């Protein structure tokens, strides 16, 4: 059973999430909303009371929480319970907050308008220790990575030479996603993802995914934003 805490100040949203996650037609009899919270402080108190990952498998957390907002709560949860996955929820477009959430340690970003099947899939993936990124979130991350690169060093050939789709695949590869997972996220055939992966490795001059992650660490993540 996947034990979930839902943090959202709107009752109708919490009830809707519980209905989606408990609906047998969505194939989710293994998901249980164990606790609810309406403010950021309540989320932290509930997680503490349940002893973090001992009593919960994940947290569904709204960004726009009263008092302490969701991003503040996310950071607090990452400090107190670093092994407890947090899936962020929002009505805001992915391009506004998704990248920031991932940078702060969220295991995924989900728009509240997502299809029930996508929501269930996201909960399962995050609870299992994975990272859930929709195609729109992947695009936002690719755009952010490209922007950082252009600001920091426009002559860094490898990443600067990647196409838009290659940036999308790159952003998921360095998060540790497999070819099949990337294909599912971007709605691409695994063979197509493998082709993009090969091009990325060639353009960056590295031999495998581990080296690619180290490459990203050197050329993007370690560079300060201006």
N, C-alpha and C. Protein backbone atom coordinates (compact mmCIF):
# COMPACT_ATOMS: atom_id res chain seq x y z
N UNK A 1 0.84 -1.19 0.00
CA UNK A 1 0.00 0.00 0.00
C UNK A 1 0.88 1.25 0.00
N UNK A 2 0.62 2.17 -0.93
CA UNK A 2 1.34 3.44 -0.99
C UNK A 2 0.62 4.44 -0.09
N UNK A 3 1.30 4.88 0.96
CA UNK A 3 0.71 5.77 1.95
C UNK A 3 1.05 7.22 1.60
N UNK A 4 0.00 8.03 1.41
CA UNK A 4 0.17 9.38 0.88
C UNK A 4 -0.37 10.42 1.86
N UNK A 5 0.36 11.52 2.00
CA UNK A 5 -0.16 12.70 2.69
C UNK A 5 -0.45 13.75 1.63
N UNK A 6 -1.65 14.31 1.65
CA UNK A 6 -2.04 15.37 0.72
C UNK A 6 -2.04 16.70 1.45
N UNK A 7 -1.25 17.64 0.95
CA UNK A 7 -1.22 18.98 1.52
C UNK A 7 -1.80 19.99 0.55
N UNK A 8 -3.02 20.46 0.82
CA UNK A 8 -3.69 21.45 -0.04
C UNK A 8 -4.75 22.16 0.79
N UNK A 9 -4.86 23.46 0.65
CA UNK A 9 -5.79 24.21 1.50
C UNK A 9 -7.22 24.20 0.97
N UNK A 10 -7.46 23.64 -0.20
CA UNK A 10 -8.81 23.58 -0.75
C UNK A 10 -9.40 22.19 -0.55
N UNK A 11 -10.49 22.15 0.18
CA UNK A 11 -11.10 20.85 0.48
C UNK A 11 -11.53 20.12 -0.79
N UNK A 12 -12.07 20.87 -1.75
CA UNK A 12 -12.55 20.24 -2.97
C UNK A 12 -11.41 19.58 -3.73
N UNK A 13 -10.22 20.18 -3.66
CA UNK A 13 -9.05 19.59 -4.32
C UNK A 13 -8.63 18.31 -3.60
N UNK A 14 -8.61 18.37 -2.25
CA UNK A 14 -8.22 17.18 -1.49
C UNK A 14 -9.20 16.03 -1.74
N UNK A 15 -10.49 16.35 -1.75
CA UNK A 15 -11.48 15.31 -1.98
C UNK A 15 -11.35 14.74 -3.40
N UNK A 16 -11.07 15.63 -4.35
CA UNK A 16 -10.89 15.17 -5.72
C UNK A 16 -9.69 14.26 -5.86
N UNK A 17 -8.59 14.61 -5.20
CA UNK A 17 -7.39 13.78 -5.24
C UNK A 17 -7.66 12.42 -4.60
N UNK A 18 -8.34 12.43 -3.47
CA UNK A 18 -8.65 11.16 -2.81
C UNK A 18 -9.52 10.27 -3.68
N UNK A 19 -10.47 10.90 -4.37
CA UNK A 19 -11.35 10.13 -5.24
C UNK A 19 -10.58 9.52 -6.41
N UNK A 20 -9.70 10.32 -7.00
CA UNK A 20 -8.90 9.81 -8.12
C UNK A 20 -8.00 8.68 -7.68
N UNK A 21 -7.33 8.86 -6.55
CA UNK A 21 -6.36 7.86 -6.10
C UNK A 21 -7.02 6.60 -5.58
N UNK A 22 -8.28 6.71 -5.17
CA UNK A 22 -8.98 5.54 -4.63
C UNK A 22 -9.88 4.87 -5.65
N UNK A 23 -10.00 5.45 -6.85
CA UNK A 23 -10.92 4.93 -7.85
C UNK A 23 -10.38 3.64 -8.47
N UNK A 24 -11.07 2.52 -8.31
CA UNK A 24 -10.58 1.25 -8.88
C UNK A 24 -10.44 1.30 -10.39
N UNK A 25 -11.24 2.14 -11.05
CA UNK A 25 -11.15 2.21 -12.51
C UNK A 25 -9.83 2.81 -12.97
N UNK A 26 -9.14 3.51 -12.07
CA UNK A 26 -7.82 4.04 -12.38
C UNK A 26 -6.73 3.05 -12.07
N UNK A 27 -7.12 1.87 -11.60
CA UNK A 27 -6.13 0.85 -11.28
C UNK A 27 -5.28 1.19 -10.08
N UNK A 28 -5.88 1.87 -9.08
CA UNK A 28 -5.08 2.34 -7.95
C UNK A 28 -5.58 1.85 -6.60
N UNK A 29 -5.91 0.57 -6.44
CA UNK A 29 -6.34 0.09 -5.11
C UNK A 29 -5.20 0.03 -4.11
N UNK A 30 -3.97 0.22 -4.59
CA UNK A 30 -2.81 0.14 -3.71
C UNK A 30 -2.40 1.49 -3.15
N UNK A 31 -3.19 2.54 -3.41
CA UNK A 31 -2.85 3.89 -2.94
C UNK A 31 -3.84 4.33 -1.87
N UNK A 32 -3.33 4.80 -0.75
CA UNK A 32 -4.19 5.24 0.36
C UNK A 32 -3.77 6.63 0.82
N UNK A 33 -4.72 7.58 0.82
CA UNK A 33 -4.47 8.90 1.41
C UNK A 33 -4.58 8.74 2.91
N UNK A 34 -3.43 8.69 3.55
CA UNK A 34 -3.37 8.40 4.98
C UNK A 34 -3.59 9.64 5.84
N UNK A 35 -3.22 10.80 5.31
CA UNK A 35 -3.33 12.03 6.10
C UNK A 35 -3.54 13.22 5.17
N UNK A 36 -4.11 14.30 5.74
CA UNK A 36 -4.36 15.52 4.99
C UNK A 36 -3.89 16.71 5.82
N UNK A 37 -3.54 17.79 5.11
CA UNK A 37 -3.14 19.02 5.79
C UNK A 37 -3.57 20.21 4.95
N UNK A 38 -3.91 21.31 5.61
CA UNK A 38 -4.42 22.49 4.89
C UNK A 38 -3.45 23.66 4.91
N UNK A 39 -2.38 23.59 5.69
CA UNK A 39 -1.36 24.64 5.72
C UNK A 39 0.02 24.01 5.68
N UNK A 40 1.01 24.83 5.39
CA UNK A 40 2.37 24.33 5.37
C UNK A 40 2.82 23.78 6.71
N UNK A 41 2.48 24.50 7.77
CA UNK A 41 2.87 24.03 9.11
C UNK A 41 2.18 22.71 9.46
N UNK A 42 0.93 22.54 9.01
CA UNK A 42 0.23 21.28 9.26
C UNK A 42 0.90 20.13 8.52
N UNK A 43 1.37 20.39 7.31
CA UNK A 43 2.08 19.35 6.57
C UNK A 43 3.29 18.88 7.37
N UNK A 44 4.10 19.83 7.84
CA UNK A 44 5.30 19.46 8.59
C UNK A 44 4.95 18.73 9.88
N UNK A 45 3.89 19.19 10.56
CA UNK A 45 3.49 18.55 11.81
C UNK A 45 2.99 17.12 11.56
N UNK A 46 2.21 16.93 10.49
CA UNK A 46 1.69 15.61 10.16
C UNK A 46 2.83 14.66 9.80
N UNK A 47 3.77 15.14 9.00
CA UNK A 47 4.90 14.29 8.60
C UNK A 47 5.73 13.92 9.83
N UNK A 48 5.97 14.88 10.70
CA UNK A 48 6.72 14.58 11.92
C UNK A 48 5.98 13.56 12.78
N UNK A 49 4.67 13.72 12.90
CA UNK A 49 3.87 12.79 13.72
C UNK A 49 3.91 11.38 13.16
N UNK A 50 3.99 11.27 11.84
CA UNK A 50 4.04 9.96 11.18
C UNK A 50 5.46 9.46 10.99
N UNK A 51 6.43 10.22 11.53
CA UNK A 51 7.85 9.85 11.48
C UNK A 51 8.35 9.71 10.05
N UNK A 52 7.98 10.67 9.23
CA UNK A 52 8.51 10.74 7.88
C UNK A 52 8.28 9.50 7.07
N UNK A 53 9.37 8.97 6.48
CA UNK A 53 9.25 7.81 5.60
C UNK A 53 8.88 6.53 6.33
N UNK A 54 8.90 6.54 7.66
CA UNK A 54 8.45 5.36 8.41
C UNK A 54 6.94 5.18 8.31
N UNK A 55 6.23 6.28 8.28
CA UNK A 55 4.77 6.19 8.23
C UNK A 55 4.16 6.60 6.91
N UNK A 56 4.98 7.16 6.02
CA UNK A 56 4.48 7.63 4.72
C UNK A 56 5.41 7.16 3.61
N UNK A 57 4.84 7.07 2.41
CA UNK A 57 5.65 6.74 1.24
C UNK A 57 5.90 7.95 0.36
N UNK A 58 5.05 8.97 0.49
CA UNK A 58 5.25 10.19 -0.29
C UNK A 58 4.31 11.29 0.19
N UNK A 59 4.61 12.52 -0.24
CA UNK A 59 3.77 13.68 0.06
C UNK A 59 3.36 14.32 -1.26
N UNK A 60 2.06 14.59 -1.40
CA UNK A 60 1.53 15.39 -2.49
C UNK A 60 1.34 16.80 -1.95
N UNK A 61 2.08 17.77 -2.47
CA UNK A 61 2.14 19.09 -1.85
C UNK A 61 1.82 20.20 -2.84
N UNK A 62 0.82 21.00 -2.49
CA UNK A 62 0.45 22.16 -3.29
C UNK A 62 1.49 23.26 -3.11
N UNK A 63 1.76 24.00 -4.17
CA UNK A 63 2.71 25.12 -4.06
C UNK A 63 2.09 26.28 -3.30
N UNK A 64 0.83 26.60 -3.61
CA UNK A 64 0.19 27.79 -3.04
C UNK A 64 -0.50 27.45 -1.72
N UNK A 65 0.31 27.23 -0.69
CA UNK A 65 -0.23 26.93 0.64
C UNK A 65 -0.28 28.20 1.48
N UNK A 66 -1.28 28.35 2.36
CA UNK A 66 -1.32 29.51 3.24
C UNK A 66 -0.22 29.43 4.28
N UNK A 67 0.24 30.60 4.73
CA UNK A 67 1.35 30.61 5.69
C UNK A 67 2.65 30.31 4.95
N UNK A 68 3.28 29.21 5.32
CA UNK A 68 4.49 28.77 4.63
C UNK A 68 4.09 28.16 3.30
N UNK A 69 4.62 28.71 2.21
CA UNK A 69 4.20 28.18 0.91
C UNK A 69 4.85 26.82 0.64
N UNK A 70 4.40 26.20 -0.45
CA UNK A 70 4.84 24.84 -0.73
C UNK A 70 6.33 24.71 -0.95
N UNK A 71 6.96 25.72 -1.56
CA UNK A 71 8.40 25.65 -1.80
C UNK A 71 9.17 25.70 -0.49
N UNK A 72 8.71 26.51 0.44
CA UNK A 72 9.33 26.58 1.76
C UNK A 72 9.17 25.25 2.49
N UNK A 73 7.97 24.69 2.42
CA UNK A 73 7.70 23.40 3.07
C UNK A 73 8.54 22.29 2.42
N UNK A 74 8.65 22.33 1.11
CA UNK A 74 9.47 21.35 0.41
C UNK A 74 10.90 21.35 0.94
N UNK A 75 11.48 22.53 1.08
CA UNK A 75 12.85 22.62 1.57
C UNK A 75 12.96 22.10 3.00
N UNK A 76 11.97 22.41 3.81
CA UNK A 76 11.99 21.92 5.19
C UNK A 76 11.89 20.39 5.23
N UNK A 77 11.03 19.83 4.37
CA UNK A 77 10.90 18.37 4.32
C UNK A 77 12.18 17.72 3.85
N UNK A 78 12.85 18.33 2.89
CA UNK A 78 14.10 17.75 2.39
C UNK A 78 15.17 17.75 3.48
N UNK A 79 15.13 18.74 4.35
CA UNK A 79 16.10 18.80 5.44
C UNK A 79 15.77 17.80 6.55
N UNK A 80 14.50 17.72 6.91
CA UNK A 80 14.10 16.86 8.03
C UNK A 80 14.00 15.39 7.63
N UNK A 81 13.43 15.15 6.45
CA UNK A 81 13.18 13.78 6.01
C UNK A 81 13.66 13.63 4.57
N UNK A 82 14.95 13.59 4.35
CA UNK A 82 15.49 13.61 2.98
C UNK A 82 15.11 12.41 2.12
N UNK A 83 14.70 11.30 2.74
CA UNK A 83 14.34 10.12 1.95
C UNK A 83 12.84 10.04 1.65
N UNK A 84 12.08 11.03 2.09
CA UNK A 84 10.64 11.05 1.84
C UNK A 84 10.36 11.81 0.54
N UNK A 85 9.86 11.13 -0.51
CA UNK A 85 9.63 11.81 -1.78
C UNK A 85 8.47 12.81 -1.69
N UNK A 86 8.62 13.91 -2.42
CA UNK A 86 7.59 14.95 -2.46
C UNK A 86 7.24 15.23 -3.93
N UNK A 87 5.96 15.09 -4.26
CA UNK A 87 5.46 15.41 -5.59
C UNK A 87 4.69 16.72 -5.48
N UNK A 88 5.15 17.74 -6.19
CA UNK A 88 4.53 19.05 -6.10
C UNK A 88 3.31 19.14 -7.01
N UNK A 89 2.27 19.82 -6.51
CA UNK A 89 1.03 20.04 -7.25
C UNK A 89 0.84 21.54 -7.48
N UNK A 90 0.27 21.90 -8.62
CA UNK A 90 0.05 23.31 -8.87
C UNK A 90 -0.93 23.51 -10.00
N UNK A 91 -1.55 24.70 -10.00
CA UNK A 91 -2.36 25.11 -11.15
C UNK A 91 -1.52 25.96 -12.10
N UNK A 92 -0.30 26.30 -11.67
CA UNK A 92 0.57 27.13 -12.49
C UNK A 92 1.19 26.33 -13.63
N UNK A 93 1.44 26.96 -14.78
CA UNK A 93 2.09 26.25 -15.89
C UNK A 93 3.48 25.75 -15.48
N UNK A 94 3.89 24.65 -16.09
CA UNK A 94 5.17 24.05 -15.76
C UNK A 94 6.33 25.02 -15.91
N UNK A 95 6.25 25.91 -16.89
CA UNK A 95 7.38 26.80 -17.15
C UNK A 95 7.61 27.79 -16.01
N UNK A 96 6.60 27.97 -15.14
CA UNK A 96 6.76 28.92 -14.04
C UNK A 96 7.45 28.32 -12.82
N UNK A 97 7.12 27.09 -12.48
CA UNK A 97 7.60 26.56 -11.21
C UNK A 97 8.26 25.18 -11.28
N UNK A 98 8.06 24.43 -12.35
CA UNK A 98 8.52 23.04 -12.36
C UNK A 98 10.02 22.92 -12.14
N UNK A 99 10.80 23.71 -12.84
CA UNK A 99 12.26 23.61 -12.72
C UNK A 99 12.70 23.97 -11.32
N UNK A 100 12.11 25.01 -10.76
CA UNK A 100 12.46 25.43 -9.40
C UNK A 100 12.16 24.32 -8.40
N UNK A 101 11.03 23.66 -8.56
CA UNK A 101 10.68 22.57 -7.65
C UNK A 101 11.69 21.43 -7.72
N UNK A 102 12.07 21.04 -8.94
CA UNK A 102 13.04 19.96 -9.10
C UNK A 102 14.38 20.37 -8.51
N UNK A 103 14.78 21.61 -8.73
CA UNK A 103 16.05 22.09 -8.18
C UNK A 103 16.06 22.05 -6.65
N UNK A 104 14.89 22.26 -6.04
CA UNK A 104 14.80 22.25 -4.58
C UNK A 104 14.61 20.86 -4.00
N UNK A 105 14.58 19.85 -4.86
CA UNK A 105 14.55 18.49 -4.36
C UNK A 105 13.24 17.74 -4.53
N UNK A 106 12.26 18.33 -5.22
CA UNK A 106 11.02 17.61 -5.45
C UNK A 106 11.28 16.42 -6.37
N UNK A 107 10.49 15.37 -6.19
CA UNK A 107 10.62 14.18 -7.04
C UNK A 107 9.73 14.26 -8.27
N UNK A 108 9.06 15.39 -8.44
CA UNK A 108 8.22 15.56 -9.62
C UNK A 108 7.33 16.78 -9.48
N UNK A 109 6.71 17.15 -10.59
CA UNK A 109 5.82 18.31 -10.64
C UNK A 109 4.61 17.92 -11.46
N UNK A 110 3.44 18.13 -10.91
CA UNK A 110 2.20 17.69 -11.57
C UNK A 110 1.19 18.81 -11.55
N UNK A 111 0.64 19.13 -12.71
CA UNK A 111 -0.42 20.12 -12.78
C UNK A 111 -1.73 19.50 -12.30
N UNK A 112 -2.52 20.25 -11.57
CA UNK A 112 -3.77 19.72 -11.02
C UNK A 112 -4.77 19.33 -12.10
N UNK A 113 -4.56 19.81 -13.30
CA UNK A 113 -5.45 19.46 -14.40
C UNK A 113 -5.03 18.17 -15.11
N UNK A 114 -4.01 17.50 -14.59
CA UNK A 114 -3.51 16.27 -15.23
C UNK A 114 -4.59 15.19 -15.26
N UNK A 115 -4.51 14.33 -16.24
CA UNK A 115 -5.43 13.21 -16.33
C UNK A 115 -5.27 12.29 -15.12
N UNK A 116 -6.36 11.67 -14.67
CA UNK A 116 -6.27 10.76 -13.52
C UNK A 116 -5.21 9.67 -13.71
N UNK A 117 -5.11 9.12 -14.92
CA UNK A 117 -4.11 8.08 -15.17
C UNK A 117 -2.70 8.60 -14.96
N UNK A 118 -2.45 9.84 -15.41
CA UNK A 118 -1.13 10.44 -15.23
C UNK A 118 -0.85 10.69 -13.75
N UNK A 119 -1.88 11.10 -13.02
CA UNK A 119 -1.72 11.36 -11.60
C UNK A 119 -1.36 10.09 -10.83
N UNK A 120 -2.08 9.02 -11.14
CA UNK A 120 -1.79 7.73 -10.49
C UNK A 120 -0.39 7.26 -10.85
N UNK A 121 -0.03 7.39 -12.12
CA UNK A 121 1.30 6.99 -12.56
C UNK A 121 2.38 7.80 -11.86
N UNK A 122 2.14 9.09 -11.69
CA UNK A 122 3.11 9.95 -11.01
C UNK A 122 3.28 9.54 -9.55
N UNK A 123 2.17 9.27 -8.87
CA UNK A 123 2.24 8.87 -7.47
C UNK A 123 3.01 7.56 -7.33
N UNK A 124 2.72 6.60 -8.18
CA UNK A 124 3.41 5.31 -8.10
C UNK A 124 4.91 5.46 -8.36
N UNK A 125 5.25 6.25 -9.37
CA UNK A 125 6.66 6.39 -9.71
C UNK A 125 7.44 7.08 -8.62
N UNK A 126 6.88 8.16 -8.08
CA UNK A 126 7.56 8.90 -7.03
C UNK A 126 7.67 8.06 -5.75
N UNK A 127 6.61 7.35 -5.40
CA UNK A 127 6.64 6.51 -4.21
C UNK A 127 7.67 5.40 -4.33
N UNK A 128 7.94 4.97 -5.56
CA UNK A 128 8.92 3.90 -5.79
C UNK A 128 10.35 4.43 -5.84
N UNK A 129 10.51 5.74 -5.64
CA UNK A 129 11.85 6.31 -5.63
C UNK A 129 12.27 6.95 -6.93
N UNK A 130 11.36 7.02 -7.90
CA UNK A 130 11.69 7.62 -9.19
C UNK A 130 11.39 9.11 -9.23
N UNK A 131 11.63 9.69 -10.39
CA UNK A 131 11.34 11.11 -10.64
C UNK A 131 10.31 11.19 -11.75
N UNK A 132 9.22 11.90 -11.49
CA UNK A 132 8.17 12.02 -12.49
C UNK A 132 8.25 13.39 -13.16
N UNK A 133 8.42 13.39 -14.48
CA UNK A 133 8.42 14.62 -15.25
C UNK A 133 7.48 14.45 -16.43
N UNK A 134 6.51 15.32 -16.54
CA UNK A 134 5.66 15.32 -17.72
C UNK A 134 6.46 15.87 -18.90
N UNK A 135 5.92 15.73 -20.09
CA UNK A 135 6.61 16.26 -21.26
C UNK A 135 6.79 17.78 -21.14
N UNK A 136 5.79 18.47 -20.60
CA UNK A 136 5.90 19.93 -20.45
C UNK A 136 6.97 20.31 -19.43
N UNK A 137 7.07 19.52 -18.36
CA UNK A 137 8.11 19.79 -17.37
C UNK A 137 9.49 19.54 -17.97
N UNK A 138 9.61 18.48 -18.74
CA UNK A 138 10.89 18.19 -19.39
C UNK A 138 11.28 19.33 -20.33
N UNK A 139 10.31 19.89 -21.04
CA UNK A 139 10.58 21.02 -21.93
C UNK A 139 11.05 22.23 -21.12
N UNK A 140 10.39 22.47 -19.97
CA UNK A 140 10.79 23.60 -19.12
C UNK A 140 12.21 23.43 -18.62
N UNK A 141 12.55 22.20 -18.25
CA UNK A 141 13.91 21.94 -17.77
C UNK A 141 14.93 22.12 -18.89
N UNK A 142 14.58 21.65 -20.08
CA UNK A 142 15.48 21.81 -21.20
C UNK A 142 15.72 23.28 -21.50
N UNK A 143 14.65 24.08 -21.45
CA UNK A 143 14.78 25.52 -21.70
C UNK A 143 15.65 26.18 -20.63
N UNK A 144 15.47 25.76 -19.37
CA UNK A 144 16.26 26.33 -18.29
C UNK A 144 17.72 25.97 -18.42
N UNK A 145 17.99 24.72 -18.77
CA UNK A 145 19.37 24.29 -18.96
C UNK A 145 20.02 25.06 -20.10
N UNK A 146 19.28 25.23 -21.19
CA UNK A 146 19.82 25.98 -22.31
C UNK A 146 20.08 27.43 -21.95
N UNK A 147 19.19 28.02 -21.13
CA UNK A 147 19.38 29.40 -20.71
C UNK A 147 20.60 29.57 -19.83
N UNK A 148 20.79 28.64 -18.90
CA UNK A 148 21.97 28.70 -18.04
C UNK A 148 23.24 28.59 -18.86
N UNK A 149 23.22 27.69 -19.83
CA UNK A 149 24.39 27.48 -20.65
C UNK A 149 24.73 28.74 -21.43
N UNK A 150 23.71 29.36 -22.03
CA UNK A 150 23.95 30.56 -22.82
C UNK A 150 24.49 31.69 -21.97
N UNK A 151 24.00 31.81 -20.72
CA UNK A 151 24.47 32.88 -19.85
C UNK A 151 25.88 32.64 -19.35
N UNK A 152 26.20 31.37 -19.06
CA UNK A 152 27.46 31.07 -18.40
C UNK A 152 28.61 30.93 -19.38
N UNK A 153 28.38 30.27 -20.50
CA UNK A 153 29.47 30.05 -21.44
C UNK A 153 28.90 29.62 -22.78
N UNK A 154 28.61 30.57 -23.67
CA UNK A 154 27.99 30.22 -24.94
C UNK A 154 28.90 29.40 -25.83
N UNK A 155 30.17 29.26 -25.48
CA UNK A 155 31.08 28.49 -26.31
C UNK A 155 31.25 27.05 -25.85
N UNK A 156 30.51 26.63 -24.82
CA UNK A 156 30.55 25.22 -24.42
C UNK A 156 29.86 24.43 -25.53
N UNK A 157 30.67 23.82 -26.38
CA UNK A 157 30.17 23.26 -27.63
C UNK A 157 29.14 22.17 -27.48
N UNK A 158 29.40 21.17 -26.63
CA UNK A 158 28.55 20.00 -26.58
C UNK A 158 27.10 20.30 -26.31
N UNK A 159 26.79 20.88 -25.19
CA UNK A 159 25.40 21.15 -24.83
C UNK A 159 24.80 22.24 -25.71
N UNK A 160 25.60 23.19 -26.09
CA UNK A 160 25.11 24.28 -26.93
C UNK A 160 24.66 23.75 -28.29
N UNK A 161 25.22 22.62 -28.70
CA UNK A 161 24.90 22.06 -30.01
C UNK A 161 23.68 21.16 -30.00
N UNK A 162 23.12 20.88 -28.82
CA UNK A 162 21.98 19.97 -28.74
C UNK A 162 20.72 20.62 -29.30
N UNK A 163 19.93 19.80 -29.98
CA UNK A 163 18.64 20.28 -30.46
C UNK A 163 17.66 20.36 -29.29
N UNK A 164 16.47 20.90 -29.56
CA UNK A 164 15.46 21.02 -28.51
C UNK A 164 15.11 19.65 -27.93
N UNK A 165 14.86 18.67 -28.80
CA UNK A 165 14.50 17.34 -28.32
C UNK A 165 15.67 16.68 -27.59
N UNK A 166 16.88 16.91 -28.08
CA UNK A 166 18.07 16.35 -27.41
C UNK A 166 18.23 16.95 -26.01
N UNK A 167 17.90 18.23 -25.86
CA UNK A 167 17.92 18.85 -24.53
C UNK A 167 16.91 18.17 -23.61
N UNK A 168 15.74 17.86 -24.14
CA UNK A 168 14.73 17.17 -23.32
C UNK A 168 15.26 15.83 -22.83
N UNK A 169 15.80 15.05 -23.74
CA UNK A 169 16.33 13.73 -23.37
C UNK A 169 17.51 13.88 -22.41
N UNK A 170 18.38 14.84 -22.68
CA UNK A 170 19.53 15.09 -21.81
C UNK A 170 19.09 15.39 -20.38
N UNK A 171 18.07 16.26 -20.23
CA UNK A 171 17.63 16.65 -18.89
C UNK A 171 17.10 15.47 -18.10
N UNK A 172 16.55 14.47 -18.78
CA UNK A 172 16.04 13.29 -18.09
C UNK A 172 17.14 12.26 -17.84
N UNK A 173 18.08 12.17 -18.76
CA UNK A 173 19.20 11.24 -18.57
C UNK A 173 20.02 11.59 -17.32
N UNK A 174 20.26 12.89 -17.12
CA UNK A 174 21.09 13.27 -15.98
C UNK A 174 20.34 13.16 -14.66
N UNK A 175 19.02 12.94 -14.74
CA UNK A 175 18.24 12.66 -13.53
C UNK A 175 18.19 11.15 -13.24
N UNK A 176 18.85 10.37 -14.09
CA UNK A 176 18.92 8.94 -13.86
C UNK A 176 17.81 8.12 -14.49
N UNK A 177 17.01 8.73 -15.36
CA UNK A 177 15.92 7.99 -15.98
C UNK A 177 16.45 7.06 -17.08
N UNK A 178 15.81 5.92 -17.21
CA UNK A 178 16.18 4.95 -18.23
C UNK A 178 15.60 5.36 -19.59
N UNK A 179 16.06 4.67 -20.63
CA UNK A 179 15.55 4.94 -21.98
C UNK A 179 14.04 4.71 -22.04
N UNK A 180 13.57 3.63 -21.43
CA UNK A 180 12.14 3.35 -21.47
C UNK A 180 11.34 4.39 -20.68
N UNK A 181 11.87 4.85 -19.55
CA UNK A 181 11.18 5.87 -18.76
C UNK A 181 11.11 7.19 -19.52
N UNK A 182 12.20 7.54 -20.19
CA UNK A 182 12.21 8.77 -20.98
C UNK A 182 11.22 8.67 -22.12
N UNK A 183 11.18 7.50 -22.75
CA UNK A 183 10.23 7.30 -23.83
C UNK A 183 8.80 7.49 -23.36
N UNK A 184 8.49 6.97 -22.17
CA UNK A 184 7.15 7.12 -21.63
C UNK A 184 6.84 8.58 -21.31
N UNK A 185 7.82 9.28 -20.75
CA UNK A 185 7.61 10.69 -20.38
C UNK A 185 7.40 11.58 -21.60
N UNK A 186 8.19 11.33 -22.65
CA UNK A 186 8.14 12.19 -23.83
C UNK A 186 7.29 11.61 -24.96
N UNK A 187 6.70 10.43 -24.69
CA UNK A 187 5.87 9.75 -25.70
C UNK A 187 6.68 9.48 -26.97
N UNK A 188 7.87 8.89 -26.76
CA UNK A 188 8.75 8.50 -27.85
C UNK A 188 9.04 7.01 -27.77
N UNK A 189 9.30 6.39 -28.89
CA UNK A 189 9.69 4.98 -28.90
C UNK A 189 11.08 4.84 -28.27
N UNK A 190 11.34 3.76 -27.54
CA UNK A 190 12.65 3.56 -26.93
C UNK A 190 13.80 3.66 -27.93
N UNK A 191 13.61 3.12 -29.15
CA UNK A 191 14.66 3.20 -30.16
C UNK A 191 14.98 4.65 -30.53
N UNK A 192 13.93 5.47 -30.55
CA UNK A 192 14.14 6.89 -30.86
C UNK A 192 14.91 7.57 -29.74
N UNK A 193 14.57 7.25 -28.50
CA UNK A 193 15.29 7.82 -27.36
C UNK A 193 16.75 7.38 -27.40
N UNK A 194 16.99 6.11 -27.73
CA UNK A 194 18.37 5.60 -27.82
C UNK A 194 19.17 6.36 -28.87
N UNK A 195 18.50 6.71 -29.98
CA UNK A 195 19.17 7.49 -31.02
C UNK A 195 19.56 8.87 -30.51
N UNK A 196 18.61 9.52 -29.81
CA UNK A 196 18.92 10.83 -29.23
C UNK A 196 20.04 10.73 -28.21
N UNK A 197 20.00 9.67 -27.41
CA UNK A 197 21.05 9.47 -26.39
C UNK A 197 22.42 9.34 -27.06
N UNK A 198 22.49 8.57 -28.13
CA UNK A 198 23.76 8.39 -28.84
C UNK A 198 24.28 9.73 -29.37
N UNK A 199 23.37 10.55 -29.91
CA UNK A 199 23.78 11.86 -30.41
C UNK A 199 24.29 12.75 -29.29
N UNK A 200 23.61 12.69 -28.14
CA UNK A 200 24.02 13.50 -26.99
C UNK A 200 25.41 13.10 -26.52
N UNK A 201 25.65 11.81 -26.41
CA UNK A 201 26.97 11.33 -25.98
C UNK A 201 28.05 11.77 -26.97
N UNK A 202 27.70 11.69 -28.26
CA UNK A 202 28.68 12.10 -29.28
C UNK A 202 28.99 13.59 -29.19
N UNK A 203 27.96 14.40 -29.04
CA UNK A 203 28.16 15.86 -29.02
C UNK A 203 28.86 16.33 -27.76
N UNK A 204 28.64 15.63 -26.63
CA UNK A 204 29.30 16.03 -25.38
C UNK A 204 30.65 15.34 -25.19
N UNK A 205 30.91 14.33 -26.02
CA UNK A 205 32.21 13.67 -25.96
C UNK A 205 32.38 12.75 -24.76
N UNK A 206 31.27 12.23 -24.21
CA UNK A 206 31.36 11.30 -23.08
C UNK A 206 30.90 9.92 -23.53
N UNK A 207 31.20 8.91 -22.69
CA UNK A 207 30.97 7.53 -23.12
C UNK A 207 29.72 6.88 -22.54
N UNK A 208 29.22 7.39 -21.41
CA UNK A 208 28.07 6.74 -20.78
C UNK A 208 27.27 7.75 -19.96
N UNK A 209 26.20 7.27 -19.35
CA UNK A 209 25.30 8.17 -18.62
C UNK A 209 25.94 8.75 -17.36
N UNK A 210 26.78 7.96 -16.71
CA UNK A 210 27.47 8.47 -15.52
C UNK A 210 28.38 9.63 -15.89
N UNK A 211 29.15 9.44 -16.95
CA UNK A 211 30.03 10.52 -17.42
C UNK A 211 29.22 11.73 -17.86
N UNK A 212 28.03 11.48 -18.42
CA UNK A 212 27.17 12.59 -18.84
C UNK A 212 26.70 13.40 -17.64
N UNK A 213 26.34 12.70 -16.54
CA UNK A 213 25.92 13.40 -15.33
C UNK A 213 27.06 14.25 -14.77
N UNK A 214 28.28 13.72 -14.80
CA UNK A 214 29.43 14.48 -14.33
C UNK A 214 29.70 15.68 -15.23
N UNK A 215 29.50 15.47 -16.52
CA UNK A 215 29.65 16.56 -17.49
C UNK A 215 28.67 17.69 -17.17
N UNK A 216 27.41 17.32 -16.90
CA UNK A 216 26.40 18.32 -16.56
C UNK A 216 26.76 19.04 -15.26
N UNK A 217 27.29 18.28 -14.30
CA UNK A 217 27.68 18.88 -13.02
C UNK A 217 28.73 19.95 -13.23
N UNK A 218 29.69 19.66 -14.11
CA UNK A 218 30.78 20.62 -14.36
C UNK A 218 30.31 21.84 -15.14
N UNK A 219 29.50 21.60 -16.16
CA UNK A 219 29.18 22.68 -17.09
C UNK A 219 27.92 23.46 -16.78
N UNK A 220 27.03 22.89 -15.95
CA UNK A 220 25.79 23.59 -15.69
C UNK A 220 25.56 23.77 -14.20
N UNK A 221 25.44 22.65 -13.47
CA UNK A 221 25.01 22.73 -12.09
C UNK A 221 25.98 23.48 -11.19
N UNK A 222 27.27 23.38 -11.51
CA UNK A 222 28.26 24.03 -10.65
C UNK A 222 28.40 25.51 -10.96
N UNK A 223 27.81 25.98 -12.05
CA UNK A 223 27.97 27.37 -12.44
C UNK A 223 26.89 28.23 -11.80
N UNK A 224 27.24 29.36 -11.18
CA UNK A 224 26.24 30.22 -10.56
C UNK A 224 25.39 30.91 -11.60
N UNK A 225 24.13 31.17 -11.21
CA UNK A 225 23.25 31.92 -12.09
C UNK A 225 23.55 33.41 -11.94
N UNK A 226 23.39 34.13 -13.02
CA UNK A 226 23.66 35.57 -13.01
C UNK A 226 22.37 36.35 -13.02
